[in-house]
Amino acid sequence: MSSNNKFNSDNSTAYCRVYYDTTNLQRIISYLKSEEYRNIHVLNRAQIIDDAFAFLLEDQLDSSVLKNLISYLGRETDYVPWRYNVPNIRTKCEVLFTARK
């Protein structure tokens, strides 16, 4: 292969959601509620919540699990998880509750 060949020549990226089984998600929630929650990168903390909302809307996550997950936000000191998710919470809740009437 010549040095001019590139596997990803357009530098594209893919966006995917991460689905954690209940056991692993509960472990993540426990860790987020610990004093060491900052060991999970702030962007990952925001993405975990966003993914959980998306799976809730697809009926792949129980609302009690999401409620337990977002309860950690009371201790969150970085604005990113809040900024990343709060604008979507209202929209997602409206969709969720409107669809289930």
PDB file of N, CA and C in Angstrom:
ATOM      1  N   MET A   1       0.847  -1.168   0.000  1.00  0.00           N
ATOM      2  CA  MET A   1       0.000   0.000   0.000  1.00  0.00           C
ATOM      3  C   MET A   1       0.895   1.233   0.000  1.00  0.00           C
ATOM      4  N   SER A   2       0.600   2.163  -0.862  1.00  0.00           N
ATOM      5  CA  SER A   2       1.428   3.368  -0.922  1.00  0.00           C
ATOM      6  C   SER A   2       1.102   4.273   0.255  1.00  0.00           C
ATOM      7  N   SER A   3       2.014   5.157   0.555  1.00  0.00           N
ATOM      8  CA  SER A   3       1.824   6.061   1.677  1.00  0.00           C
ATOM      9  C   SER A   3       0.757   7.117   1.397  1.00  0.00           C
ATOM     10  N   ASN A   4       0.319   7.233   0.138  1.00  0.00           N
ATOM     11  CA  ASN A   4      -0.708   8.209  -0.215  1.00  0.00           C
ATOM     12  C   ASN A   4      -2.125   7.674  -0.004  1.00  0.00           C
ATOM     13  N   ASN A   5      -2.257   6.386   0.166  1.00  0.00           N
ATOM     14  CA  ASN A   5      -3.582   5.791   0.377  1.00  0.00           C
ATOM     15  C   ASN A   5      -4.026   6.015   1.813  1.00  0.00           C
ATOM     16  N   LYS A   6      -5.272   6.377   1.957  1.00  0.00           N
ATOM     17  CA  LYS A   6      -5.835   6.587   3.289  1.00  0.00           C
ATOM     18  C   LYS A   6      -7.094   5.754   3.419  1.00  0.00           C
ATOM     19  N   PHE A   7      -7.266   5.176   4.581  1.00  0.00           N
ATOM     20  CA  PHE A   7      -8.474   4.402   4.826  1.00  0.00           C
ATOM     21  C   PHE A   7      -9.685   5.319   4.925  1.00  0.00           C
ATOM     22  N   ASN A   8      -9.532   6.421   5.617  1.00  0.00           N
ATOM     23  CA  ASN A   8     -10.628   7.362   5.836  1.00  0.00           C
ATOM     24  C   ASN A   8     -10.204   8.701   5.247  1.00  0.00           C
ATOM     25  N   SER A   9     -10.269   8.806   3.950  1.00  0.00           N
ATOM     26  CA  SER A   9      -9.703   9.971   3.286  1.00  0.00           C
ATOM     27  C   SER A   9     -10.498  11.251   3.496  1.00  0.00           C
ATOM     28  N   ASP A  10     -11.767  11.163   3.844  1.00  0.00           N
ATOM     29  CA  ASP A  10     -12.546  12.388   4.026  1.00  0.00           C
ATOM     30  C   ASP A  10     -12.691  12.793   5.494  1.00  0.00           C
ATOM     31  N   ASN A  11     -12.017  12.088   6.378  1.00  0.00           N
ATOM     32  CA  ASN A  11     -12.046  12.384   7.817  1.00  0.00           C
ATOM     33  C   ASN A  11     -13.466  12.418   8.374  1.00  0.00           C
ATOM     34  N   SER A  12     -14.325  11.575   7.847  1.00  0.00           N
ATOM     35  CA  SER A  12     -15.707  11.549   8.323  1.00  0.00           C
ATOM     36  C   SER A  12     -15.793  10.849   9.669  1.00  0.00           C
ATOM     37  N   THR A  13     -16.849  11.152  10.368  1.00  0.00           N
ATOM     38  CA  THR A  13     -17.100  10.517  11.654  1.00  0.00           C
ATOM     39  C   THR A  13     -18.513   9.948  11.649  1.00  0.00           C
ATOM     40  N   ALA A  14     -18.740   9.029  12.533  1.00  0.00           N
ATOM     41  CA  ALA A  14     -20.064   8.424  12.653  1.00  0.00           C
ATOM     42  C   ALA A  14     -20.632   8.750  14.025  1.00  0.00           C
ATOM     43  N   TYR A  15     -21.927   8.906  14.087  1.00  0.00           N
ATOM     44  CA  TYR A  15     -22.605   9.159  15.344  1.00  0.00           C
ATOM     45  C   TYR A  15     -23.436   7.930  15.673  1.00  0.00           C
ATOM     46  N   CYS A  16     -23.251   7.422  16.852  1.00  0.00           N
ATOM     47  CA  CYS A  16     -24.043   6.260  17.245  1.00  0.00           C
ATOM     48  C   CYS A  16     -24.441   6.397  18.704  1.00  0.00           C
ATOM     49  N   ARG A  17     -25.506   5.762  19.043  1.00  0.00           N
ATOM     50  CA  ARG A  17     -25.963   5.727  20.423  1.00  0.00           C
ATOM     51  C   ARG A  17     -25.404   4.477  21.092  1.00  0.00           C
ATOM     52  N   VAL A  18     -25.197   4.575  22.393  1.00  0.00           N
ATOM     53  CA  VAL A  18     -24.689   3.438  23.152  1.00  0.00           C
ATOM     54  C   VAL A  18     -25.802   2.956  24.079  1.00  0.00           C
ATOM     55  N   TYR A  19     -26.171   1.698  23.893  1.00  0.00           N
ATOM     56  CA  TYR A  19     -27.189   1.094  24.753  1.00  0.00           C
ATOM     57  C   TYR A  19     -26.481   0.226  25.786  1.00  0.00           C
ATOM     58  N   TYR A  20     -26.683   0.569  27.053  1.00  0.00           N
ATOM     59  CA  TYR A  20     -26.119  -0.217  28.143  1.00  0.00           C
ATOM     60  C   TYR A  20     -27.208  -1.109  28.706  1.00  0.00           C
ATOM     61  N   ASP A  21     -26.883  -2.367  28.949  1.00  0.00           N
ATOM     62  CA  ASP A  21     -27.868  -3.224  29.602  1.00  0.00           C
ATOM     63  C   ASP A  21     -28.105  -2.687  31.012  1.00  0.00           C
ATOM     64  N   THR A  22     -29.168  -3.148  31.627  1.00  0.00           N
ATOM     65  CA  THR A  22     -29.588  -2.607  32.916  1.00  0.00           C
ATOM     66  C   THR A  22     -28.494  -2.690  33.968  1.00  0.00           C
ATOM     67  N   THR A  23     -27.794  -3.807  34.020  1.00  0.00           N
ATOM     68  CA  THR A  23     -26.737  -3.977  35.023  1.00  0.00           C
ATOM     69  C   THR A  23     -25.637  -2.940  34.836  1.00  0.00           C
ATOM     70  N   ASN A  24     -25.169  -2.778  33.611  1.00  0.00           N
ATOM     71  CA  ASN A  24     -24.092  -1.811  33.375  1.00  0.00           C
ATOM     72  C   ASN A  24     -24.566  -0.375  33.545  1.00  0.00           C
ATOM     73  N   LEU A  25     -25.790  -0.092  33.149  1.00  0.00           N
ATOM     74  CA  LEU A  25     -26.299   1.257  33.338  1.00  0.00           C
ATOM     75  C   LEU A  25     -26.438   1.572  34.824  1.00  0.00           C
ATOM     76  N   GLN A  26     -26.861   0.609  35.621  1.00  0.00           N
ATOM     77  CA  GLN A  26     -26.948   0.825  37.068  1.00  0.00           C
ATOM     78  C   GLN A  26     -25.553   1.070  37.664  1.00  0.00           C
ATOM     79  N   ARG A  27     -24.560   0.394  37.130  1.00  0.00           N
ATOM     80  CA  ARG A  27     -23.180   0.633  37.591  1.00  0.00           C
ATOM     81  C   ARG A  27     -22.731   2.048  37.242  1.00  0.00           C
ATOM     82  N   ILE A  28     -23.071   2.493  36.048  1.00  0.00           N
ATOM     83  CA  ILE A  28     -22.728   3.852  35.629  1.00  0.00           C
ATOM     84  C   ILE A  28     -23.434   4.864  36.526  1.00  0.00           C
ATOM     85  N   ILE A  29     -24.706   4.633  36.797  1.00  0.00           N
ATOM     86  CA  ILE A  29     -25.472   5.533  37.657  1.00  0.00           C
ATOM     87  C   ILE A  29     -24.844   5.601  39.045  1.00  0.00           C
ATOM     88  N   SER A  30     -24.484   4.456  39.590  1.00  0.00           N
ATOM     89  CA  SER A  30     -23.842   4.437  40.914  1.00  0.00           C
ATOM     90  C   SER A  30     -22.545   5.227  40.900  1.00  0.00           C
ATOM     91  N   TYR A  31     -21.780   5.082  39.828  1.00  0.00           N
ATOM     92  CA  TYR A  31     -20.512   5.809  39.729  1.00  0.00           C
ATOM     93  C   TYR A  31     -20.767   7.312  39.596  1.00  0.00           C
ATOM     94  N   LEU A  32     -21.773   7.681  38.803  1.00  0.00           N
ATOM     95  CA  LEU A  32     -22.087   9.103  38.649  1.00  0.00           C
ATOM     96  C   LEU A  32     -22.546   9.721  39.965  1.00  0.00           C
ATOM     97  N   LYS A  33     -23.115   8.918  40.833  1.00  0.00           N
ATOM     98  CA  LYS A  33     -23.567   9.415  42.126  1.00  0.00           C
ATOM     99  C   LYS A  33     -22.452   9.411  43.174  1.00  0.00           C
ATOM    100  N   SER A  34     -21.287   8.919  42.797  1.00  0.00           N
ATOM    101  CA  SER A  34     -20.155   8.876  43.726  1.00  0.00           C
ATOM    102  C   SER A  34     -19.342  10.169  43.623  1.00  0.00           C
ATOM    103  N   GLU A  35     -18.428  10.336  44.541  1.00  0.00           N
ATOM    104  CA  GLU A  35     -17.538  11.499  44.521  1.00  0.00           C
ATOM    105  C   GLU A  35     -16.586  11.479  43.320  1.00  0.00           C
ATOM    106  N   GLU A  36     -16.440  10.334  42.697  1.00  0.00           N
ATOM    107  CA  GLU A  36     -15.486  10.180  41.593  1.00  0.00           C
ATOM    108  C   GLU A  36     -16.125  10.355  40.217  1.00  0.00           C
ATOM    109  N   TYR A  37     -17.353  10.873  40.160  1.00  0.00           N
ATOM    110  CA  TYR A  37     -18.060  10.964  38.877  1.00  0.00           C
ATOM    111  C   TYR A  37     -17.294  11.751  37.823  1.00  0.00           C
ATOM    112  N   ARG A  38     -16.433  12.660  38.255  1.00  0.00           N
ATOM    113  CA  ARG A  38     -15.655  13.460  37.295  1.00  0.00           C
ATOM    114  C   ARG A  38     -14.623  12.624  36.531  1.00  0.00           C
ATOM    115  N   ASN A  39     -14.386  11.393  36.963  1.00  0.00           N
ATOM    116  CA  ASN A  39     -13.481  10.513  36.216  1.00  0.00           C
ATOM    117  C   ASN A  39     -14.087  10.076  34.886  1.00  0.00           C
ATOM    118  N   ILE A  40     -15.393  10.212  34.744  1.00  0.00           N
ATOM    119  CA  ILE A  40     -16.047  10.013  33.450  1.00  0.00           C
ATOM    120  C   ILE A  40     -16.009  11.369  32.759  1.00  0.00           C
ATOM    121  N   HIS A  41     -15.445  11.430  31.585  1.00  0.00           N
ATOM    122  CA  HIS A  41     -15.296  12.708  30.883  1.00  0.00           C
ATOM    123  C   HIS A  41     -16.639  13.413  30.772  1.00  0.00           C
ATOM    124  N   VAL A  42     -16.621  14.729  30.896  1.00  0.00           N
ATOM    125  CA  VAL A  42     -17.839  15.521  30.892  1.00  0.00           C
ATOM    126  C   VAL A  42     -18.679  15.302  29.630  1.00  0.00           C
ATOM    127  N   LEU A  43     -18.046  15.159  28.480  1.00  0.00           N
ATOM    128  CA  LEU A  43     -18.810  14.916  27.254  1.00  0.00           C
ATOM    129  C   LEU A  43     -19.476  13.543  27.271  1.00  0.00           C
ATOM    130  N   ASN A  44     -18.812  12.580  27.896  1.00  0.00           N
ATOM    131  CA  ASN A  44     -19.417  11.254  28.031  1.00  0.00           C
ATOM    132  C   ASN A  44     -20.591  11.284  28.994  1.00  0.00           C
ATOM    133  N   ARG A  45     -20.476  12.073  30.065  1.00  0.00           N
ATOM    134  CA  ARG A  45     -21.595  12.194  31.004  1.00  0.00           C
ATOM    135  C   ARG A  45     -22.814  12.777  30.288  1.00  0.00           C
ATOM    136  N   ALA A  46     -22.583  13.787  29.481  1.00  0.00           N
ATOM    137  CA  ALA A  46     -23.684  14.397  28.727  1.00  0.00           C
ATOM    138  C   ALA A  46     -24.278  13.403  27.733  1.00  0.00           C
ATOM    139  N   GLN A  47     -23.426  12.650  27.066  1.00  0.00           N
ATOM    140  CA  GLN A  47     -23.899  11.707  26.054  1.00  0.00           C
ATOM    141  C   GLN A  47     -24.673  10.546  26.663  1.00  0.00           C
ATOM    142  N   ILE A  48     -24.267  10.092  27.825  1.00  0.00           N
ATOM    143  CA  ILE A  48     -24.979   9.007  28.510  1.00  0.00           C
ATOM    144  C   ILE A  48     -26.424   9.414  28.759  1.00  0.00           C
ATOM    145  N   ILE A  49     -26.625  10.644  29.208  1.00  0.00           N
ATOM    146  CA  ILE A  49     -27.982  11.133  29.469  1.00  0.00           C
ATOM    147  C   ILE A  49     -28.762  11.267  28.166  1.00  0.00           C
ATOM    148  N   ASP A  50     -28.129  11.839  27.159  1.00  0.00           N
ATOM    149  CA  ASP A  50     -28.803  12.006  25.869  1.00  0.00           C
ATOM    150  C   ASP A  50     -29.211  10.662  25.283  1.00  0.00           C
ATOM    151  N   ASP A  51     -28.315   9.691  25.346  1.00  0.00           N
ATOM    152  CA  ASP A  51     -28.633   8.353  24.846  1.00  0.00           C
ATOM    153  C   ASP A  51     -29.791   7.741  25.624  1.00  0.00           C
ATOM    154  N   ALA A  52     -29.781   7.925  26.933  1.00  0.00           N
ATOM    155  CA  ALA A  52     -30.848   7.365  27.760  1.00  0.00           C
ATOM    156  C   ALA A  52     -32.205   7.957  27.372  1.00  0.00           C
ATOM    157  N   PHE A  53     -32.260   9.267  27.149  1.00  0.00           N
ATOM    158  CA  PHE A  53     -33.510   9.881  26.697  1.00  0.00           C
ATOM    159  C   PHE A  53     -33.960   9.285  25.372  1.00  0.00           C
ATOM    160  N   ALA A  54     -33.029   9.115  24.457  1.00  0.00           N
ATOM    161  CA  ALA A  54     -33.374   8.563  23.138  1.00  0.00           C
ATOM    162  C   ALA A  54     -33.931   7.150  23.274  1.00  0.00           C
ATOM    163  N   PHE A  55     -33.323   6.334  24.112  1.00  0.00           N
ATOM    164  CA  PHE A  55     -33.816   4.962  24.295  1.00  0.00           C
ATOM    165  C   PHE A  55     -35.154   4.943  25.035  1.00  0.00           C
ATOM    166  N   LEU A  56     -35.373   5.897  25.926  1.00  0.00           N
ATOM    167  CA  LEU A  56     -36.669   6.002  26.584  1.00  0.00           C
ATOM    168  C   LEU A  56     -37.760   6.282  25.555  1.00  0.00           C
ATOM    169  N   LEU A  57     -37.494   7.195  24.641  1.00  0.00           N
ATOM    170  CA  LEU A  57     -38.477   7.540  23.613  1.00  0.00           C
ATOM    171  C   LEU A  57     -38.766   6.377  22.674  1.00  0.00           C
ATOM    172  N   GLU A  58     -37.841   5.463  22.574  1.00  0.00           N
ATOM    173  CA  GLU A  58     -38.032   4.272  21.731  1.00  0.00           C
ATOM    174  C   GLU A  58     -38.553   3.078  22.536  1.00  0.00           C
ATOM    175  N   ASP A  59     -38.981   3.338  23.771  1.00  0.00           N
ATOM    176  CA  ASP A  59     -39.469   2.290  24.680  1.00  0.00           C
ATOM    177  C   ASP A  59     -38.441   1.189  24.926  1.00  0.00           C
ATOM    178  N   GLN A  60     -37.181   1.573  24.944  1.00  0.00           N
ATOM    179  CA  GLN A  60     -36.114   0.617  25.213  1.00  0.00           C
ATOM    180  C   GLN A  60     -35.472   0.851  26.570  1.00  0.00           C
ATOM    181  N   LEU A  61     -36.008   1.826  27.316  1.00  0.00           N
ATOM    182  CA  LEU A  61     -35.486   2.128  28.642  1.00  0.00           C
ATOM    183  C   LEU A  61     -36.654   2.522  29.530  1.00  0.00           C
ATOM    184  N   ASP A  62     -36.666   1.998  30.723  1.00  0.00           N
ATOM    185  CA  ASP A  62     -37.722   2.321  31.672  1.00  0.00           C
ATOM    186  C   ASP A  62     -37.506   3.736  32.226  1.00  0.00           C
ATOM    187  N   SER A  63     -38.589   4.462  32.396  1.00  0.00           N
ATOM    188  CA  SER A  63     -38.478   5.845  32.876  1.00  0.00           C
ATOM    189  C   SER A  63     -37.867   5.934  34.274  1.00  0.00           C
ATOM    190  N   SER A  64     -38.036   4.911  35.093  1.00  0.00           N
ATOM    191  CA  SER A  64     -37.445   4.941  36.436  1.00  0.00           C
ATOM    192  C   SER A  64     -35.917   4.911  36.364  1.00  0.00           C
ATOM    193  N   VAL A  65     -35.384   4.242  35.364  1.00  0.00           N
ATOM    194  CA  VAL A  65     -33.928   4.199  35.187  1.00  0.00           C
ATOM    195  C   VAL A  65     -33.430   5.583  34.771  1.00  0.00           C
ATOM    196  N   LEU A  66     -34.138   6.220  33.848  1.00  0.00           N
ATOM    197  CA  LEU A  66     -33.751   7.569  33.432  1.00  0.00           C
ATOM    198  C   LEU A  66     -33.835   8.541  34.602  1.00  0.00           C
ATOM    199  N   LYS A  67     -34.902   8.443  35.384  1.00  0.00           N
ATOM    200  CA  LYS A  67     -35.051   9.313  36.550  1.00  0.00           C
ATOM    201  C   LYS A  67     -33.884   9.119  37.513  1.00  0.00           C
ATOM    202  N   ASN A  68     -33.508   7.887  37.740  1.00  0.00           N
ATOM    203  CA  ASN A  68     -32.373   7.593  38.601  1.00  0.00           C
ATOM    204  C   ASN A  68     -31.082   8.171  38.013  1.00  0.00           C
ATOM    205  N   LEU A  69     -30.918   8.057  36.709  1.00  0.00           N
ATOM    206  CA  LEU A  69     -29.724   8.584  36.036  1.00  0.00           C
ATOM    207  C   LEU A  69     -29.638  10.097  36.176  1.00  0.00           C
ATOM    208  N   ILE A  70     -30.695  10.802  35.839  1.00  0.00           N
ATOM    209  CA  ILE A  70     -30.604  12.259  35.852  1.00  0.00           C
ATOM    210  C   ILE A  70     -30.587  12.840  37.271  1.00  0.00           C
ATOM    211  N   SER A  71     -30.885  12.032  38.273  1.00  0.00           N
ATOM    212  CA  SER A  71     -30.806  12.530  39.648  1.00  0.00           C
ATOM    213  C   SER A  71     -29.375  12.900  40.034  1.00  0.00           C
ATOM    214  N   TYR A  72     -28.392  12.346  39.333  1.00  0.00           N
ATOM    215  CA  TYR A  72     -27.000  12.700  39.620  1.00  0.00           C
ATOM    216  C   TYR A  72     -26.714  14.167  39.274  1.00  0.00           C
ATOM    217  N   LEU A  73     -27.523  14.762  38.388  1.00  0.00           N
ATOM    218  CA  LEU A  73     -27.258  16.136  37.955  1.00  0.00           C
ATOM    219  C   LEU A  73     -27.251  17.127  39.117  1.00  0.00           C
ATOM    220  N   GLY A  74     -27.861  16.767  40.228  1.00  0.00           N
ATOM    221  CA  GLY A  74     -27.827  17.628  41.403  1.00  0.00           C
ATOM    222  C   GLY A  74     -26.427  17.884  41.917  1.00  0.00           C
ATOM    223  N   ARG A  75     -25.510  17.012  41.620  1.00  0.00           N
ATOM    224  CA  ARG A  75     -24.130  17.186  42.066  1.00  0.00           C
ATOM    225  C   ARG A  75     -23.213  17.640  40.937  1.00  0.00           C
ATOM    226  N   GLU A  76     -23.720  17.688  39.721  1.00  0.00           N
ATOM    227  CA  GLU A  76     -22.906  18.056  38.555  1.00  0.00           C
ATOM    228  C   GLU A  76     -22.466  19.512  38.653  1.00  0.00           C
ATOM    229  N   THR A  77     -21.171  19.753  38.511  1.00  0.00           N
ATOM    230  CA  THR A  77     -20.628  21.104  38.608  1.00  0.00           C
ATOM    231  C   THR A  77     -20.220  21.676  37.254  1.00  0.00           C
ATOM    232  N   ASP A  78     -20.201  20.865  36.236  1.00  0.00           N
ATOM    233  CA  ASP A  78     -19.854  21.334  34.898  1.00  0.00           C
ATOM    234  C   ASP A  78     -21.136  21.680  34.151  1.00  0.00           C
ATOM    235  N   TYR A  79     -21.093  22.716  33.358  1.00  0.00           N
ATOM    236  CA  TYR A  79     -22.302  23.131  32.653  1.00  0.00           C
ATOM    237  C   TYR A  79     -22.635  22.243  31.450  1.00  0.00           C
ATOM    238  N   VAL A  80     -21.682  21.489  30.930  1.00  0.00           N
ATOM    239  CA  VAL A  80     -21.892  20.744  29.683  1.00  0.00           C
ATOM    240  C   VAL A  80     -23.049  19.737  29.780  1.00  0.00           C
ATOM    241  N   PRO A  81     -23.100  18.863  30.773  1.00  0.00           N
ATOM    242  CA  PRO A  81     -24.236  17.937  30.818  1.00  0.00           C
ATOM    243  C   PRO A  81     -25.580  18.657  30.923  1.00  0.00           C
ATOM    244  N   TRP A  82     -25.595  19.780  31.643  1.00  0.00           N
ATOM    245  CA  TRP A  82     -26.820  20.567  31.732  1.00  0.00           C
ATOM    246  C   TRP A  82     -27.122  21.239  30.396  1.00  0.00           C
ATOM    247  N   ARG A  83     -26.149  21.906  29.851  1.00  0.00           N
ATOM    248  CA  ARG A  83     -26.332  22.660  28.602  1.00  0.00           C
ATOM    249  C   ARG A  83     -26.692  21.733  27.453  1.00  0.00           C
ATOM    250  N   TYR A  84     -26.096  20.578  27.458  1.00  0.00           N
ATOM    251  CA  TYR A  84     -26.302  19.612  26.379  1.00  0.00           C
ATOM    252  C   TYR A  84     -27.687  18.983  26.447  1.00  0.00           C
ATOM    253  N   ASN A  85     -28.213  18.808  27.636  1.00  0.00           N
ATOM    254  CA  ASN A  85     -29.451  18.050  27.806  1.00  0.00           C
ATOM    255  C   ASN A  85     -30.688  18.859  28.151  1.00  0.00           C
ATOM    256  N   VAL A  86     -30.546  19.929  28.905  1.00  0.00           N
ATOM    257  CA  VAL A  86     -31.732  20.669  29.348  1.00  0.00           C
ATOM    258  C   VAL A  86     -32.591  21.162  28.189  1.00  0.00           C
ATOM    259  N   PRO A  87     -32.026  21.717  27.121  1.00  0.00           N
ATOM    260  CA  PRO A  87     -32.893  22.151  26.020  1.00  0.00           C
ATOM    261  C   PRO A  87     -33.697  20.992  25.409  1.00  0.00           C
ATOM    262  N   ASN A  88     -33.173  19.805  25.496  1.00  0.00           N
ATOM    263  CA  ASN A  88     -33.848  18.648  24.922  1.00  0.00           C
ATOM    264  C   ASN A  88     -34.855  18.007  25.864  1.00  0.00           C
ATOM    265  N   ILE A  89     -34.708  18.242  27.146  1.00  0.00           N
ATOM    266  CA  ILE A  89     -35.576  17.573  28.116  1.00  0.00           C
ATOM    267  C   ILE A  89     -37.030  17.950  27.890  1.00  0.00           C
ATOM    268  N   ARG A  90     -37.297  19.229  27.741  1.00  0.00           N
ATOM    269  CA  ARG A  90     -38.683  19.660  27.530  1.00  0.00           C
ATOM    270  C   ARG A  90     -39.246  19.056  26.253  1.00  0.00           C
ATOM    271  N   THR A  91     -38.497  19.166  25.177  1.00  0.00           N
ATOM    272  CA  THR A  91     -38.956  18.629  23.894  1.00  0.00           C
ATOM    273  C   THR A  91     -39.197  17.135  23.987  1.00  0.00           C
ATOM    274  N   LYS A  92     -38.259  16.420  24.563  1.00  0.00           N
ATOM    275  CA  LYS A  92     -38.372  14.970  24.654  1.00  0.00           C
ATOM    276  C   LYS A  92     -39.517  14.560  25.573  1.00  0.00           C
ATOM    277  N   CYS A  93     -39.727  15.300  26.650  1.00  0.00           N
ATOM    278  CA  CYS A  93     -40.838  14.982  27.545  1.00  0.00           C
ATOM    279  C   CYS A  93     -42.168  15.258  26.872  1.00  0.00           C
ATOM    280  N   GLU A  94     -42.248  16.357  26.111  1.00  0.00           N
ATOM    281  CA  GLU A  94     -43.480  16.646  25.375  1.00  0.00           C
ATOM    282  C   GLU A  94     -43.789  15.530  24.385  1.00  0.00           C
ATOM    283  N   VAL A  95     -42.773  15.080  23.665  1.00  0.00           N
ATOM    284  CA  VAL A  95     -42.966  13.987  22.718  1.00  0.00           C
ATOM    285  C   VAL A  95     -43.398  12.728  23.448  1.00  0.00           C
ATOM    286  N   LEU A  96     -42.723  12.432  24.535  1.00  0.00           N
ATOM    287  CA  LEU A  96     -43.010  11.229  25.301  1.00  0.00           C
ATOM    288  C   LEU A  96     -44.441  11.240  25.834  1.00  0.00           C
ATOM    289  N   PHE A  97     -44.839  12.328  26.468  1.00  0.00           N
ATOM    290  CA  PHE A  97     -46.148  12.352  27.096  1.00  0.00           C
ATOM    291  C   PHE A  97     -47.281  12.569  26.084  1.00  0.00           C
ATOM    292  N   THR A  98     -47.010  13.245  25.005  1.00  0.00           N
ATOM    293  CA  THR A  98     -48.008  13.405  23.965  1.00  0.00           C
ATOM    294  C   THR A  98     -48.268  12.077  23.258  1.00  0.00           C
ATOM    295  N   ALA A  99     -47.205  11.345  23.003  1.00  0.00           N
ATOM    296  CA  ALA A  99     -47.326  10.061  22.300  1.00  0.00           C
ATOM    297  C   ALA A  99     -48.024   9.005  23.161  1.00  0.00           C
ATOM    298  N   ARG A 100     -47.975   9.126  24.453  1.00  0.00           N
ATOM    299  CA  ARG A 100     -48.523   8.088  25.337  1.00  0.00           C
ATOM    300  C   ARG A 100     -49.905   8.422  25.878  1.00  0.00           C
ATOM    301  N   LYS A 101     -50.533   9.475  25.371  1.00  0.00           N
ATOM    302  CA  LYS A 101     -51.883   9.824  25.857  1.00  0.00           C
ATOM    303  C   LYS A 101     -52.900   8.844  25.370  1.00  0.00           C
TER     304      LYS A 101
END
